[in-house]
Amino acid sequence: MLYRFRIILDAEEDVFRDIEIMADDTLEDLHNTILQSFGFDGTEMASFYISDDDWNQGEEISQFDITEGTGSVRLMNETAIDDVVSESQTKLIYVYDFLNMWTFLVELAEVAEPEPGMDYPNLMFVHGQLPLTAPEKDFQAETDDLGPEFDDDFDVDDYDDLSFDENWN
């Protein structure tokens, strides 16, 4: 089985790549294909996240296990693409370089049969140029998630009303 993906840079400009990859390849194979198709050198860490239809980030599938034995994590090199992507679960989020947060929306566009004699993965289509720096992200929490002690009127730049002695630990 062959999966055709569209990988879209999460930015205002249209920058995307269409690739074909075997469904039983690993997420590490997909990671390497994304790196090559966008021209990254592969020296930074990355993760995939299972996503719902509204692009909400779910379970992480990591490139490396950095839990130091404190928990279990799914790894790219141990996870087949068809274990996390199907015709009913079509979306992943891919983050490369956690300092710059290059974020890509990965969507299964089509399931097909491989063509005899064709090598996969295959870069099918390229649109747009990758910017020199990662697009800015606007991280916003939902106000319900901020908790009851969140003061929406608090001015973080106004220190005059704070007593140093009262707030010293």
N, C-alpha and C. Protein backbone atom coordinates (compact mmCIF):
# COMPACT_ATOMS: atom_id res chain seq x y z
N MET A 1 0.85 -1.17 0.00
CA MET A 1 0.00 0.00 0.00
C MET A 1 0.90 1.24 0.00
N LEU A 2 0.50 2.23 -0.74
CA LEU A 2 1.25 3.47 -0.90
C LEU A 2 0.43 4.62 -0.33
N TYR A 3 1.09 5.47 0.46
CA TYR A 3 0.44 6.66 0.99
C TYR A 3 0.99 7.88 0.28
N ARG A 4 0.09 8.78 -0.11
CA ARG A 4 0.48 10.06 -0.67
C ARG A 4 0.13 11.14 0.35
N PHE A 5 1.15 11.87 0.76
CA PHE A 5 0.99 12.91 1.77
C PHE A 5 1.24 14.28 1.19
N ARG A 6 0.55 15.26 1.75
CA ARG A 6 0.89 16.67 1.52
C ARG A 6 1.43 17.17 2.86
N ILE A 7 2.65 17.73 2.82
CA ILE A 7 3.30 18.27 4.01
C ILE A 7 3.35 19.78 3.84
N ILE A 8 2.64 20.50 4.71
CA ILE A 8 2.45 21.94 4.59
C ILE A 8 3.15 22.65 5.74
N LEU A 9 4.01 23.61 5.42
CA LEU A 9 4.61 24.45 6.45
C LEU A 9 3.51 25.29 7.08
N ASP A 10 3.43 25.29 8.40
CA ASP A 10 2.43 26.08 9.11
C ASP A 10 2.84 27.55 9.09
N ALA A 11 2.49 28.23 8.01
CA ALA A 11 2.86 29.64 7.79
C ALA A 11 1.80 30.29 6.91
N GLU A 12 1.88 31.62 6.80
CA GLU A 12 0.94 32.32 5.95
C GLU A 12 1.19 32.06 4.47
N GLU A 13 2.47 31.92 4.10
CA GLU A 13 2.82 31.64 2.70
C GLU A 13 2.53 30.17 2.40
N ASP A 14 2.20 29.89 1.15
CA ASP A 14 1.97 28.51 0.74
C ASP A 14 3.30 27.84 0.44
N VAL A 15 3.71 26.94 1.33
CA VAL A 15 4.92 26.16 1.15
C VAL A 15 4.55 24.72 1.49
N PHE A 16 4.61 23.84 0.48
CA PHE A 16 4.27 22.45 0.75
C PHE A 16 5.00 21.52 -0.20
N ARG A 17 5.01 20.24 0.19
CA ARG A 17 5.60 19.18 -0.62
C ARG A 17 4.61 18.02 -0.64
N ASP A 18 4.48 17.39 -1.78
CA ASP A 18 3.68 16.18 -1.91
C ASP A 18 4.64 15.01 -2.07
N ILE A 19 4.48 14.01 -1.22
CA ILE A 19 5.37 12.86 -1.29
C ILE A 19 4.57 11.56 -1.31
N GLU A 20 5.21 10.54 -1.84
CA GLU A 20 4.67 9.18 -1.80
C GLU A 20 5.63 8.35 -0.96
N ILE A 21 5.06 7.50 -0.10
CA ILE A 21 5.87 6.64 0.75
C ILE A 21 5.06 5.37 1.04
N MET A 22 5.75 4.28 1.22
CA MET A 22 5.07 3.02 1.50
C MET A 22 4.42 3.09 2.88
N ALA A 23 3.22 2.56 3.00
CA ALA A 23 2.46 2.62 4.25
C ALA A 23 3.16 1.88 5.38
N ASP A 24 3.91 0.84 5.06
CA ASP A 24 4.58 0.07 6.10
C ASP A 24 5.97 0.59 6.44
N ASP A 25 6.41 1.70 5.81
CA ASP A 25 7.65 2.36 6.22
C ASP A 25 7.44 2.96 7.61
N THR A 26 8.53 3.33 8.27
CA THR A 26 8.41 3.89 9.62
C THR A 26 8.23 5.40 9.57
N LEU A 27 7.84 5.95 10.70
CA LEU A 27 7.77 7.40 10.81
C LEU A 27 9.16 8.02 10.69
N GLU A 28 10.20 7.27 11.03
CA GLU A 28 11.56 7.77 10.83
C GLU A 28 11.84 7.93 9.34
N ASP A 29 11.34 7.01 8.51
CA ASP A 29 11.48 7.15 7.05
C ASP A 29 10.74 8.39 6.56
N LEU A 30 9.55 8.62 7.10
CA LEU A 30 8.78 9.82 6.73
C LEU A 30 9.52 11.08 7.20
N HIS A 31 10.05 11.05 8.39
CA HIS A 31 10.85 12.16 8.93
C HIS A 31 12.01 12.49 7.99
N ASN A 32 12.77 11.46 7.59
CA ASN A 32 13.91 11.68 6.69
C ASN A 32 13.48 12.23 5.34
N THR A 33 12.36 11.77 4.86
CA THR A 33 11.83 12.25 3.58
C THR A 33 11.43 13.72 3.68
N ILE A 34 10.80 14.10 4.79
CA ILE A 34 10.42 15.50 4.99
C ILE A 34 11.68 16.37 5.06
N LEU A 35 12.69 15.92 5.81
CA LEU A 35 13.94 16.68 5.92
C LEU A 35 14.54 16.93 4.55
N GLN A 36 14.64 15.87 3.75
CA GLN A 36 15.24 15.99 2.42
C GLN A 36 14.41 16.87 1.50
N SER A 37 13.09 16.73 1.55
CA SER A 37 12.25 17.48 0.61
C SER A 37 12.21 18.98 0.92
N PHE A 38 12.46 19.35 2.18
CA PHE A 38 12.49 20.77 2.54
C PHE A 38 13.91 21.32 2.66
N GLY A 39 14.92 20.46 2.55
CA GLY A 39 16.30 20.91 2.56
C GLY A 39 16.92 21.11 3.94
N PHE A 40 16.37 20.47 4.98
CA PHE A 40 16.97 20.55 6.31
C PHE A 40 18.16 19.60 6.39
N ASP A 41 19.12 19.94 7.27
CA ASP A 41 20.31 19.10 7.40
C ASP A 41 20.12 17.93 8.36
N GLY A 42 19.06 17.93 9.13
CA GLY A 42 18.76 16.80 10.01
C GLY A 42 19.53 16.78 11.32
N THR A 43 20.11 17.90 11.72
CA THR A 43 20.90 17.93 12.94
C THR A 43 20.07 18.27 14.18
N GLU A 44 18.81 18.59 14.01
CA GLU A 44 17.94 18.94 15.15
C GLU A 44 16.95 17.83 15.43
N MET A 45 16.43 17.82 16.65
CA MET A 45 15.44 16.81 17.05
C MET A 45 14.09 17.12 16.43
N ALA A 46 13.26 16.08 16.35
CA ALA A 46 11.94 16.23 15.77
C ALA A 46 10.96 15.26 16.43
N SER A 47 9.69 15.54 16.28
CA SER A 47 8.64 14.64 16.75
C SER A 47 7.43 14.75 15.84
N PHE A 48 6.69 13.66 15.77
CA PHE A 48 5.36 13.66 15.17
C PHE A 48 4.35 13.67 16.29
N TYR A 49 3.18 14.25 16.00
CA TYR A 49 2.07 14.23 16.95
C TYR A 49 0.83 13.79 16.18
N ILE A 50 0.13 12.84 16.74
CA ILE A 50 -1.14 12.44 16.14
C ILE A 50 -2.09 13.62 16.30
N SER A 51 -2.87 13.90 15.27
CA SER A 51 -3.74 15.07 15.28
C SER A 51 -5.17 14.67 14.96
N ASP A 52 -6.10 15.44 15.50
CA ASP A 52 -7.50 15.24 15.12
C ASP A 52 -7.81 16.08 13.88
N ASP A 53 -9.06 16.09 13.48
CA ASP A 53 -9.45 16.81 12.26
C ASP A 53 -9.28 18.32 12.37
N ASP A 54 -9.20 18.85 13.60
CA ASP A 54 -9.04 20.29 13.80
C ASP A 54 -7.58 20.67 14.07
N TRP A 55 -6.67 19.77 13.82
CA TRP A 55 -5.23 19.97 13.99
C TRP A 55 -4.84 20.19 15.45
N ASN A 56 -5.58 19.57 16.38
CA ASN A 56 -5.19 19.61 17.78
C ASN A 56 -4.13 18.55 18.02
N GLN A 57 -3.09 18.93 18.71
CA GLN A 57 -1.94 18.05 18.94
C GLN A 57 -2.29 16.98 19.95
N GLY A 58 -2.00 15.72 19.58
CA GLY A 58 -2.26 14.60 20.47
C GLY A 58 -0.97 13.90 20.87
N GLU A 59 -1.00 12.59 20.90
CA GLU A 59 0.12 11.78 21.34
C GLU A 59 1.40 12.06 20.55
N GLU A 60 2.51 12.16 21.26
CA GLU A 60 3.81 12.40 20.64
C GLU A 60 4.46 11.08 20.23
N ILE A 61 5.08 11.09 19.08
CA ILE A 61 5.94 9.99 18.63
C ILE A 61 7.29 10.62 18.37
N SER A 62 8.24 10.30 19.23
CA SER A 62 9.50 11.01 19.31
C SER A 62 10.59 10.37 18.47
N GLN A 63 11.58 11.17 18.12
CA GLN A 63 12.75 10.68 17.41
C GLN A 63 13.66 9.90 18.36
N PHE A 64 13.76 10.37 19.60
CA PHE A 64 14.61 9.74 20.61
C PHE A 64 13.84 9.61 21.91
N ASP A 65 14.21 8.62 22.72
CA ASP A 65 13.62 8.48 24.04
C ASP A 65 14.46 9.28 25.01
N ILE A 66 13.92 10.42 25.44
CA ILE A 66 14.65 11.27 26.38
C ILE A 66 14.00 11.23 27.77
N THR A 67 13.17 10.23 28.03
CA THR A 67 12.48 10.13 29.31
C THR A 67 13.38 9.60 30.41
N GLU A 68 14.57 9.11 30.07
CA GLU A 68 15.52 8.55 31.03
C GLU A 68 14.87 7.49 31.92
N GLY A 69 14.03 6.67 31.30
CA GLY A 69 13.40 5.56 32.02
C GLY A 69 12.23 5.95 32.89
N THR A 70 11.80 7.22 32.87
CA THR A 70 10.71 7.67 33.72
C THR A 70 9.34 7.47 33.09
N GLY A 71 9.30 7.08 31.84
CA GLY A 71 8.01 6.87 31.18
C GLY A 71 8.22 6.18 29.86
N SER A 72 7.12 5.83 29.24
CA SER A 72 7.22 5.19 27.94
C SER A 72 6.86 6.20 26.85
N VAL A 73 7.57 6.09 25.75
CA VAL A 73 7.34 6.99 24.63
C VAL A 73 7.40 6.16 23.35
N ARG A 74 6.55 6.48 22.41
CA ARG A 74 6.63 5.82 21.11
C ARG A 74 7.74 6.48 20.32
N LEU A 75 8.49 5.65 19.59
CA LEU A 75 9.62 6.15 18.81
C LEU A 75 9.34 6.02 17.32
N MET A 76 9.86 6.98 16.55
CA MET A 76 9.67 6.99 15.10
C MET A 76 10.18 5.72 14.44
N ASN A 77 11.36 5.27 14.86
CA ASN A 77 11.96 4.12 14.18
C ASN A 77 11.28 2.80 14.52
N GLU A 78 10.38 2.80 15.50
CA GLU A 78 9.65 1.60 15.88
C GLU A 78 8.18 1.66 15.50
N THR A 79 7.76 2.75 14.85
CA THR A 79 6.34 2.95 14.55
C THR A 79 6.13 3.02 13.04
N ALA A 80 5.39 2.07 12.52
CA ALA A 80 5.05 2.08 11.10
C ALA A 80 4.03 3.19 10.83
N ILE A 81 4.13 3.78 9.66
CA ILE A 81 3.22 4.87 9.31
C ILE A 81 1.76 4.39 9.39
N ASP A 82 1.51 3.18 8.88
CA ASP A 82 0.12 2.71 8.88
C ASP A 82 -0.38 2.31 10.26
N ASP A 83 0.48 2.36 11.30
CA ASP A 83 0.03 2.17 12.68
C ASP A 83 -0.63 3.43 13.23
N VAL A 84 -0.32 4.60 12.64
CA VAL A 84 -0.87 5.85 13.16
C VAL A 84 -1.67 6.64 12.12
N VAL A 85 -1.58 6.25 10.87
CA VAL A 85 -2.30 6.95 9.80
C VAL A 85 -3.16 5.94 9.06
N SER A 86 -4.39 6.35 8.77
CA SER A 86 -5.31 5.51 8.01
C SER A 86 -6.30 6.43 7.30
N GLU A 87 -7.22 5.85 6.57
CA GLU A 87 -8.21 6.67 5.88
C GLU A 87 -9.13 7.39 6.87
N SER A 88 -9.24 6.88 8.10
CA SER A 88 -10.06 7.57 9.11
C SER A 88 -9.23 8.47 10.02
N GLN A 89 -7.92 8.27 10.09
CA GLN A 89 -6.99 9.09 10.88
C GLN A 89 -5.93 9.62 9.92
N THR A 90 -6.17 10.79 9.33
CA THR A 90 -5.36 11.26 8.20
C THR A 90 -4.34 12.34 8.55
N LYS A 91 -4.33 12.84 9.79
CA LYS A 91 -3.51 14.02 10.07
C LYS A 91 -2.47 13.77 11.15
N LEU A 92 -1.28 14.32 10.89
CA LEU A 92 -0.18 14.35 11.85
C LEU A 92 0.38 15.77 11.87
N ILE A 93 0.97 16.13 12.99
CA ILE A 93 1.74 17.36 13.09
C ILE A 93 3.19 16.95 13.22
N TYR A 94 4.07 17.60 12.49
CA TYR A 94 5.50 17.29 12.53
C TYR A 94 6.23 18.55 12.97
N VAL A 95 7.03 18.45 14.03
CA VAL A 95 7.80 19.58 14.52
C VAL A 95 9.28 19.22 14.41
N TYR A 96 10.03 20.09 13.74
CA TYR A 96 11.47 19.93 13.58
C TYR A 96 12.17 21.11 14.25
N ASP A 97 13.18 20.83 15.03
CA ASP A 97 14.00 21.85 15.69
C ASP A 97 13.15 22.60 16.73
N PHE A 98 13.16 22.07 17.95
CA PHE A 98 12.30 22.60 19.00
C PHE A 98 12.67 24.00 19.47
N LEU A 99 13.84 24.49 19.12
CA LEU A 99 14.17 25.88 19.44
C LEU A 99 13.51 26.84 18.46
N ASN A 100 13.45 26.46 17.19
CA ASN A 100 12.86 27.32 16.16
C ASN A 100 11.43 26.94 15.82
N MET A 101 11.03 25.73 16.20
CA MET A 101 9.66 25.25 16.02
C MET A 101 9.17 25.28 14.57
N TRP A 102 9.94 24.67 13.68
CA TRP A 102 9.44 24.46 12.32
C TRP A 102 8.29 23.47 12.44
N THR A 103 7.09 23.91 12.12
CA THR A 103 5.90 23.09 12.31
C THR A 103 5.24 22.83 10.96
N PHE A 104 4.94 21.55 10.73
CA PHE A 104 4.36 21.12 9.46
C PHE A 104 3.08 20.34 9.72
N LEU A 105 2.10 20.56 8.88
CA LEU A 105 0.85 19.82 8.91
C LEU A 105 0.97 18.72 7.86
N VAL A 106 0.86 17.49 8.29
CA VAL A 106 1.05 16.33 7.41
C VAL A 106 -0.31 15.66 7.24
N GLU A 107 -0.79 15.61 6.00
CA GLU A 107 -2.12 15.04 5.77
C GLU A 107 -2.07 13.99 4.68
N LEU A 108 -2.68 12.85 4.99
CA LEU A 108 -2.82 11.77 4.02
C LEU A 108 -3.82 12.22 2.96
N ALA A 109 -3.36 12.30 1.72
CA ALA A 109 -4.22 12.77 0.63
C ALA A 109 -4.84 11.61 -0.13
N GLU A 110 -4.09 10.49 -0.22
CA GLU A 110 -4.57 9.39 -1.04
C GLU A 110 -3.86 8.09 -0.65
N VAL A 111 -4.60 7.00 -0.75
CA VAL A 111 -4.03 5.66 -0.60
C VAL A 111 -4.06 5.03 -1.98
N ALA A 112 -2.92 4.51 -2.43
CA ALA A 112 -2.83 3.98 -3.80
C ALA A 112 -1.98 2.72 -3.80
N GLU A 113 -1.90 2.13 -4.95
CA GLU A 113 -1.02 0.98 -5.15
C GLU A 113 0.30 1.48 -5.72
N PRO A 114 1.42 0.93 -5.26
CA PRO A 114 2.71 1.36 -5.82
C PRO A 114 2.85 0.96 -7.28
N GLU A 115 3.56 1.80 -8.03
CA GLU A 115 3.81 1.49 -9.43
C GLU A 115 5.02 0.56 -9.53
N PRO A 116 4.93 -0.48 -10.32
CA PRO A 116 6.08 -1.39 -10.46
C PRO A 116 7.31 -0.65 -11.00
N GLY A 117 8.46 -0.94 -10.42
CA GLY A 117 9.70 -0.33 -10.86
C GLY A 117 9.97 1.05 -10.29
N MET A 118 9.03 1.62 -9.54
CA MET A 118 9.19 2.96 -8.96
C MET A 118 9.86 2.83 -7.59
N ASP A 119 10.78 3.74 -7.30
CA ASP A 119 11.43 3.77 -5.99
C ASP A 119 10.67 4.70 -5.06
N TYR A 120 10.48 4.25 -3.83
CA TYR A 120 9.80 5.05 -2.82
C TYR A 120 10.70 5.16 -1.59
N PRO A 121 10.64 6.27 -0.87
CA PRO A 121 9.75 7.42 -1.02
C PRO A 121 10.07 8.24 -2.27
N ASN A 122 9.07 8.98 -2.71
CA ASN A 122 9.17 9.75 -3.94
C ASN A 122 8.61 11.16 -3.70
N LEU A 123 9.42 12.17 -4.02
CA LEU A 123 8.96 13.55 -3.96
C LEU A 123 8.21 13.83 -5.26
N MET A 124 6.90 14.07 -5.15
CA MET A 124 6.04 14.24 -6.32
C MET A 124 5.93 15.69 -6.78
N PHE A 125 5.84 16.61 -5.80
CA PHE A 125 5.54 17.99 -6.16
C PHE A 125 6.12 18.93 -5.10
N VAL A 126 6.65 20.06 -5.54
CA VAL A 126 7.22 21.07 -4.66
C VAL A 126 6.53 22.40 -4.96
N HIS A 127 6.08 23.07 -3.90
CA HIS A 127 5.47 24.39 -4.07
C HIS A 127 6.02 25.32 -2.99
N GLY A 128 6.57 26.44 -3.39
CA GLY A 128 7.04 27.46 -2.47
C GLY A 128 8.43 27.19 -1.93
N GLN A 129 9.05 28.26 -1.46
CA GLN A 129 10.38 28.19 -0.88
C GLN A 129 10.30 28.28 0.63
N LEU A 130 11.10 27.48 1.29
CA LEU A 130 11.19 27.52 2.74
C LEU A 130 11.81 28.86 3.14
N PRO A 131 11.19 29.59 4.07
CA PRO A 131 11.79 30.86 4.50
C PRO A 131 13.11 30.62 5.24
N LEU A 132 13.91 31.65 5.39
CA LEU A 132 15.20 31.52 6.07
C LEU A 132 15.05 31.22 7.55
N THR A 133 13.96 31.70 8.16
CA THR A 133 13.70 31.43 9.57
C THR A 133 12.30 30.84 9.72
N ALA A 134 12.12 30.11 10.80
CA ALA A 134 10.81 29.50 11.06
C ALA A 134 9.76 30.59 11.26
N PRO A 135 8.55 30.36 10.76
CA PRO A 135 7.47 31.34 10.95
C PRO A 135 7.17 31.52 12.43
N GLU A 136 6.83 32.75 12.80
CA GLU A 136 6.45 33.06 14.18
C GLU A 136 5.19 32.28 14.54
N LYS A 137 5.14 31.83 15.79
CA LYS A 137 3.95 31.13 16.28
C LYS A 137 3.22 32.04 17.26
N ASP A 138 1.92 31.99 17.22
CA ASP A 138 1.09 32.75 18.15
C ASP A 138 0.47 31.75 19.11
N PHE A 139 1.15 31.49 20.21
CA PHE A 139 0.67 30.53 21.18
C PHE A 139 -0.35 31.20 22.08
N GLN A 140 -1.55 30.63 22.11
CA GLN A 140 -2.60 31.18 22.93
C GLN A 140 -3.26 30.06 23.70
N ALA A 141 -3.41 30.27 24.99
CA ALA A 141 -4.13 29.31 25.81
C ALA A 141 -5.60 29.68 25.80
N GLU A 142 -6.43 28.68 25.91
CA GLU A 142 -7.85 28.96 26.05
C GLU A 142 -8.05 29.49 27.46
N THR A 143 -8.88 30.51 27.63
CA THR A 143 -9.03 31.15 28.94
C THR A 143 -9.56 30.17 29.98
N ASP A 144 -10.32 29.17 29.61
CA ASP A 144 -10.81 28.18 30.57
C ASP A 144 -9.67 27.36 31.15
N ASP A 145 -8.56 27.23 30.43
CA ASP A 145 -7.44 26.41 30.87
C ASP A 145 -6.50 27.17 31.79
N LEU A 146 -6.71 28.46 32.02
CA LEU A 146 -5.76 29.27 32.77
C LEU A 146 -5.93 29.14 34.28
N GLY A 147 -7.03 28.61 34.74
CA GLY A 147 -7.24 28.39 36.16
C GLY A 147 -7.89 29.57 36.84
N PRO A 148 -8.40 29.35 38.06
CA PRO A 148 -9.15 30.39 38.75
C PRO A 148 -8.29 31.54 39.25
N GLU A 149 -6.97 31.31 39.49
CA GLU A 149 -6.17 32.41 40.02
C GLU A 149 -5.56 33.28 38.95
N PHE A 150 -5.86 33.04 37.67
CA PHE A 150 -5.33 33.87 36.59
C PHE A 150 -5.99 35.24 36.62
N ASP A 151 -5.18 36.28 36.68
CA ASP A 151 -5.67 37.66 36.70
C ASP A 151 -5.44 38.26 35.33
N ASP A 152 -6.48 38.40 34.54
CA ASP A 152 -6.38 38.90 33.18
C ASP A 152 -5.90 40.36 33.12
N ASP A 153 -6.07 41.11 34.24
CA ASP A 153 -5.69 42.52 34.26
C ASP A 153 -4.29 42.74 34.82
N PHE A 154 -3.57 41.70 35.14
CA PHE A 154 -2.24 41.81 35.72
C PHE A 154 -1.26 42.36 34.69
N ASP A 155 -0.52 43.39 35.08
CA ASP A 155 0.49 44.02 34.21
C ASP A 155 1.86 43.50 34.63
N VAL A 156 2.47 42.67 33.80
CA VAL A 156 3.76 42.06 34.15
C VAL A 156 4.88 43.08 34.18
N ASP A 157 4.68 44.26 33.63
CA ASP A 157 5.71 45.29 33.64
C ASP A 157 5.58 46.26 34.81
N ASP A 158 4.52 46.14 35.62
CA ASP A 158 4.29 47.04 36.75
C ASP A 158 4.71 46.35 38.04
N TYR A 159 5.93 46.68 38.48
CA TYR A 159 6.48 46.05 39.68
C TYR A 159 6.29 46.92 40.93
N ASP A 160 5.79 48.13 40.78
CA ASP A 160 5.69 49.06 41.90
C ASP A 160 4.76 48.55 43.01
N ASP A 161 3.72 47.82 42.63
CA ASP A 161 2.75 47.36 43.63
C ASP A 161 3.17 46.04 44.28
N LEU A 162 4.27 45.47 43.87
CA LEU A 162 4.71 44.21 44.44
C LEU A 162 5.74 44.46 45.53
N SER A 163 5.55 43.81 46.65
CA SER A 163 6.51 43.93 47.75
C SER A 163 7.53 42.83 47.60
N PHE A 164 8.79 43.21 47.51
CA PHE A 164 9.85 42.23 47.36
C PHE A 164 9.86 41.24 48.52
N ASP A 165 9.70 41.74 49.75
CA ASP A 165 9.74 40.88 50.93
C ASP A 165 8.58 39.89 50.93
N GLU A 166 7.42 40.31 50.52
CA GLU A 166 6.26 39.43 50.52
C GLU A 166 6.39 38.29 49.52
N ASN A 167 7.07 38.54 48.43
CA ASN A 167 7.14 37.55 47.37
C ASN A 167 8.46 36.78 47.35
N TRP A 168 9.30 37.01 48.33
CA TRP A 168 10.58 36.30 48.39
C TRP A 168 10.35 34.91 48.93
N ASN A 169 10.93 33.92 48.27
CA ASN A 169 10.76 32.53 48.73
C ASN A 169 11.75 32.19 49.79
